[in-house]
């Protein structure tokens, strides 16, 4: 695979790139549908939840707290206001549990970051969206924090946010490579501003992040995190 050239900074998505996150949300949603089984089939409850989450994004953004509020709102919605207080309590505990996922690094992540850090050619950054305290805590629990020169937690990964990231890292857009699992958030926006990207697909993807992939001269797709060392 052809190497990416003229790179001075590497930014990494966090959830489902450095550690597993979506699987925890999927398990919580499965249990949520069980709690609300008397009000609808799992597919219907999940579809309604996605509609509620999408409607709430402008006000609540992304992350566990936004997800938990949407769980409660949707429970009231699908039950027609009949959901019991003890069920709401269980739903809140589902959300709280997501604030304490282990955030163990995925295979090859720690070793690869250590190699890149020791190489000395690149500035390394975490660039992730979500709720500030939750993302900071996951990064701390992961044990990876020391590898990064900068941590940026944003409400959304827009083209403007990528421009700000480049400015804060002191690099031109063409000198940045973004590494992540979400084509919608980690790949497409940075390519649009002239940056480079490495896509590492993950086995679980949040429905909101789905989009059709495409090829690009500044894009590489790899199967394993450690394969970064072969293209940088």
Protein backbone atom coordinates (compact mmCIF):
# COMPACT_ATOMS: atom_id res chain seq x y z
CA UNK A 1 0.00 0.00 0.00
CA UNK A 2 1.34 3.43 -0.98
CA UNK A 3 2.56 5.57 1.91
CA UNK A 4 1.00 8.90 2.85
CA UNK A 5 3.59 11.63 2.46
CA UNK A 6 4.25 15.10 3.88
CA UNK A 7 2.64 14.28 7.24
CA UNK A 8 3.51 16.35 10.30
CA UNK A 9 0.54 15.57 12.56
CA UNK A 10 -1.67 12.54 13.18
CA UNK A 11 -5.07 12.91 14.83
CA UNK A 12 -6.90 9.90 16.24
CA UNK A 13 -10.55 9.34 16.89
CA UNK A 14 -11.13 7.79 20.32
CA UNK A 15 -14.28 5.64 20.52
CA UNK A 16 -14.05 2.47 18.41
CA UNK A 17 -10.62 3.50 17.14
CA UNK A 18 -8.51 3.48 20.30
CA UNK A 19 -10.96 1.40 22.37
CA UNK A 20 -14.30 -0.38 22.00
CA UNK A 21 -17.27 1.87 22.74
CA UNK A 22 -20.24 1.14 20.46
CA UNK A 23 -20.55 -2.46 21.62
CA UNK A 24 -21.35 -1.16 25.10
CA UNK A 25 -24.08 1.11 23.72
CA UNK A 26 -25.49 -1.78 21.69
CA UNK A 27 -25.72 -3.99 24.78
CA UNK A 28 -27.38 -1.18 26.73
CA UNK A 29 -29.92 -0.67 23.94
CA UNK A 30 -30.67 -4.39 23.84
CA UNK A 31 -31.44 -4.35 27.58
CA UNK A 32 -33.45 -1.15 27.11
CA UNK A 33 -35.67 -2.87 24.54
CA UNK A 34 -36.21 -5.73 26.99
CA UNK A 35 -37.32 -3.25 29.66
CA UNK A 36 -39.84 -1.74 27.25
CA UNK A 37 -40.98 -5.01 25.67
CA UNK A 38 -44.60 -4.53 26.73
CA UNK A 39 -44.78 -1.33 24.68
CA UNK A 40 -43.37 -2.55 21.38
CA UNK A 41 -41.10 -4.91 19.47
CA UNK A 42 -37.34 -4.25 19.78
CA UNK A 43 -37.07 -2.99 16.20
CA UNK A 44 -39.85 -0.45 16.77
CA UNK A 45 -38.45 0.74 20.10
CA UNK A 46 -34.96 1.13 18.59
CA UNK A 47 -36.29 2.96 15.53
CA UNK A 48 -38.18 5.37 17.77
CA UNK A 49 -35.07 5.87 19.91
CA UNK A 50 -33.00 6.79 16.87
CA UNK A 51 -35.61 9.37 15.86
CA UNK A 52 -35.52 10.88 19.36
CA UNK A 53 -31.71 10.92 19.43
CA UNK A 54 -31.54 12.58 16.04
CA UNK A 55 -34.07 15.25 17.05
CA UNK A 56 -32.12 15.93 20.25
CA UNK A 57 -28.67 16.33 18.69
CA UNK A 58 -28.96 20.05 18.10
CA UNK A 59 -29.61 20.61 21.81
CA UNK A 60 -27.80 17.71 23.48
CA UNK A 61 -24.97 16.80 21.10
CA UNK A 62 -23.29 13.41 21.41
CA UNK A 63 -22.28 11.20 24.31
CA UNK A 64 -23.61 9.19 27.21
CA UNK A 65 -25.60 11.95 28.85
CA UNK A 66 -27.38 12.83 25.61
CA UNK A 67 -28.05 9.14 25.01
CA UNK A 68 -29.47 8.67 28.50
CA UNK A 69 -31.84 11.61 28.21
CA UNK A 70 -33.02 10.24 24.87
CA UNK A 71 -33.57 6.81 26.45
CA UNK A 72 -35.84 8.34 29.08
CA UNK A 73 -37.69 10.57 26.61
CA UNK A 74 -38.27 7.68 24.25
CA UNK A 75 -39.51 5.43 27.07
CA UNK A 76 -42.19 7.98 27.85
CA UNK A 77 -42.98 8.30 24.15
CA UNK A 78 -43.35 4.62 23.26
CA UNK A 79 -45.26 3.84 26.46
CA UNK A 80 -47.69 6.70 25.98
CA UNK A 81 -46.62 8.04 29.37
CA UNK A 82 -47.31 4.74 31.16
CA UNK A 83 -43.72 3.68 31.84
CA UNK A 84 -43.19 3.04 35.56
CA UNK A 85 -40.76 4.91 37.77
CA UNK A 86 -38.76 1.77 38.59
CA UNK A 87 -38.22 1.14 34.87
CA UNK A 88 -37.04 4.73 34.45
CA UNK A 89 -34.65 4.06 37.32
CA UNK A 90 -33.23 1.01 35.52
CA UNK A 91 -32.86 3.03 32.33
CA UNK A 92 -30.91 5.70 34.19
CA UNK A 93 -28.59 3.00 35.56
CA UNK A 94 -28.02 1.72 32.04
CA UNK A 95 -26.85 5.19 31.07
CA UNK A 96 -24.72 5.64 34.17
CA UNK A 97 -23.00 2.34 33.47
CA UNK A 98 -21.82 3.66 30.12
CA UNK A 99 -19.83 6.32 31.95
CA UNK A 100 -17.59 3.60 33.35
CA UNK A 101 -16.67 1.41 30.39
CA UNK A 102 -13.15 0.00 30.70
CA UNK A 103 -11.73 1.76 27.61
CA UNK A 104 -9.08 -0.92 27.21
CA UNK A 105 -6.97 -0.18 24.13
CA UNK A 106 -7.78 -2.29 21.09
CA UNK A 107 -5.19 -4.71 19.76
CA UNK A 108 -1.99 -3.03 18.66
CA UNK A 109 -3.01 0.48 19.72
CA UNK A 110 -0.61 1.05 22.61
CA UNK A 111 2.35 -0.50 20.81
CA UNK A 112 1.72 1.48 17.62
CA UNK A 113 1.30 4.78 19.46
CA UNK A 114 4.54 4.12 21.31
CA UNK A 115 6.35 3.59 18.00
CA UNK A 116 4.87 6.73 16.47
CA UNK A 117 5.67 8.78 19.57
CA UNK A 118 9.23 7.51 19.62
CA UNK A 119 9.66 8.20 15.91
CA UNK A 120 9.61 11.94 16.63
CA UNK A 121 8.39 12.98 13.16
CA UNK A 122 4.77 13.59 14.10
CA UNK A 123 2.65 15.55 16.54
CA UNK A 124 0.01 13.18 17.90
CA UNK A 125 -3.48 14.29 18.92
CA UNK A 126 -6.77 12.84 20.06
CA UNK A 127 -9.60 14.46 18.13
CA UNK A 128 -12.96 13.14 19.26
CA UNK A 129 -16.49 14.30 19.76
CA UNK A 130 -18.67 13.76 22.78
CA UNK A 131 -19.11 14.98 26.34
CA UNK A 132 -15.95 16.52 27.81
CA UNK A 133 -15.70 14.81 31.20
CA UNK A 134 -16.69 11.38 29.88
CA UNK A 135 -14.13 11.46 27.07
CA UNK A 136 -11.40 12.75 29.39
CA UNK A 137 -12.13 9.97 31.87
CA UNK A 138 -12.06 7.27 29.18
CA UNK A 139 -8.73 8.52 27.89
CA UNK A 140 -7.32 8.48 31.42
CA UNK A 141 -8.62 4.95 32.05
CA UNK A 142 -7.17 3.75 28.75
CA UNK A 143 -3.62 4.52 29.87
CA UNK A 144 -2.89 6.15 26.49
CA UNK A 145 -2.91 9.82 27.49
CA UNK A 146 0.88 10.17 27.67
CA UNK A 147 1.28 9.40 23.97
CA UNK A 148 -0.55 12.53 22.84
CA UNK A 149 0.67 16.08 22.45
CA UNK A 150 -2.88 17.44 22.33
CA UNK A 151 -6.41 16.34 23.18
CA UNK A 152 -9.34 18.06 21.47
CA UNK A 153 -12.91 17.13 22.41
CA UNK A 154 -15.50 18.82 20.21
CA UNK A 155 -19.26 18.86 19.85
CA UNK A 156 -19.02 17.71 16.23
CA UNK A 157 -16.32 17.03 13.65
CA UNK A 158 -17.14 19.65 11.05
CA UNK A 159 -14.80 21.01 8.40
CA UNK A 160 -14.44 24.13 10.53
CA UNK A 161 -13.43 21.99 13.52
CA UNK A 162 -10.76 20.30 11.41
CA UNK A 163 -9.40 23.69 10.34
CA UNK A 164 -9.17 24.69 14.01
CA UNK A 165 -7.40 21.43 14.79
CA UNK A 166 -4.78 22.14 12.14
CA UNK A 167 -4.27 25.65 13.48
CA UNK A 168 -3.81 24.39 17.04
CA UNK A 169 -1.30 21.77 15.87
CA UNK A 170 0.57 24.33 13.79
CA UNK A 171 0.24 22.41 10.50
CA UNK A 172 -1.29 22.97 7.09
CA UNK A 173 -4.36 20.90 6.23
CA UNK A 174 -2.34 18.79 3.81
CA UNK A 175 0.07 17.88 6.61
CA UNK A 176 -2.63 16.31 8.79
CA UNK A 177 -3.81 12.72 8.67
CA UNK A 178 -6.95 11.74 10.58
CA UNK A 179 -7.29 8.14 11.75
CA UNK A 180 -10.71 6.77 12.64
CA UNK A 181 -13.50 4.27 12.17
CA UNK A 182 -16.33 6.59 11.11
CA UNK A 183 -16.31 7.58 7.46
CA UNK A 184 -18.84 10.29 8.16
CA UNK A 185 -16.97 11.98 11.01
CA UNK A 186 -13.32 10.95 10.65
CA UNK A 187 -12.80 10.62 6.92
CA UNK A 188 -15.09 12.69 4.70
CA UNK A 189 -14.67 16.10 6.42
CA UNK A 190 -10.86 16.04 6.51
CA UNK A 191 -10.63 14.94 2.88
CA UNK A 192 -12.88 17.84 1.89
CA UNK A 193 -10.46 20.39 3.34
CA UNK A 194 -7.42 18.85 1.66
CA UNK A 195 -6.20 16.66 4.50
CA UNK A 196 -5.42 12.97 4.54
CA UNK A 197 -7.23 10.11 6.26
CA UNK A 198 -6.84 6.50 7.35
CA UNK A 199 -10.04 4.49 7.74
CA UNK A 200 -10.04 1.56 10.17
CA UNK A 201 -13.54 0.03 9.97
CA UNK A 202 -14.92 -1.30 13.26
CA UNK A 203 -17.34 -4.20 13.65
CA UNK A 204 -20.00 -1.99 15.32
CA UNK A 205 -21.06 1.44 14.03
CA UNK A 206 -23.70 3.78 15.38
CA UNK A 207 -26.53 4.21 12.89
CA UNK A 208 -26.02 7.98 12.73
CA UNK A 209 -22.44 7.47 11.50
CA UNK A 210 -23.39 5.33 8.50
CA UNK A 211 -22.59 6.72 5.07
CA UNK A 212 -21.45 5.35 1.74
CA UNK A 213 -17.67 5.06 1.50
CA UNK A 214 -15.58 6.05 -1.51
CA UNK A 215 -11.98 6.00 -2.68
CA UNK A 216 -9.69 9.03 -2.65
CA UNK A 217 -6.02 9.63 -3.42
CA UNK A 218 -5.47 10.89 0.13
CA UNK A 219 -7.31 8.00 1.79
CA UNK A 220 -5.98 4.65 2.95
CA UNK A 221 -8.07 1.85 4.46
CA UNK A 222 -6.45 -0.68 6.79
CA UNK A 223 -7.70 -3.61 8.80
CA UNK A 224 -5.43 -3.38 11.85
CA UNK A 225 -4.29 -0.37 13.84
CA UNK A 226 -0.69 -1.59 13.65
CA UNK A 227 -0.82 -1.30 9.85
CA UNK A 228 -0.43 2.46 10.32
CA UNK A 229 3.29 1.88 10.62
CA UNK A 230 3.37 0.63 7.02
CA UNK A 231 1.80 3.73 5.46
CA UNK A 232 3.31 6.63 7.43
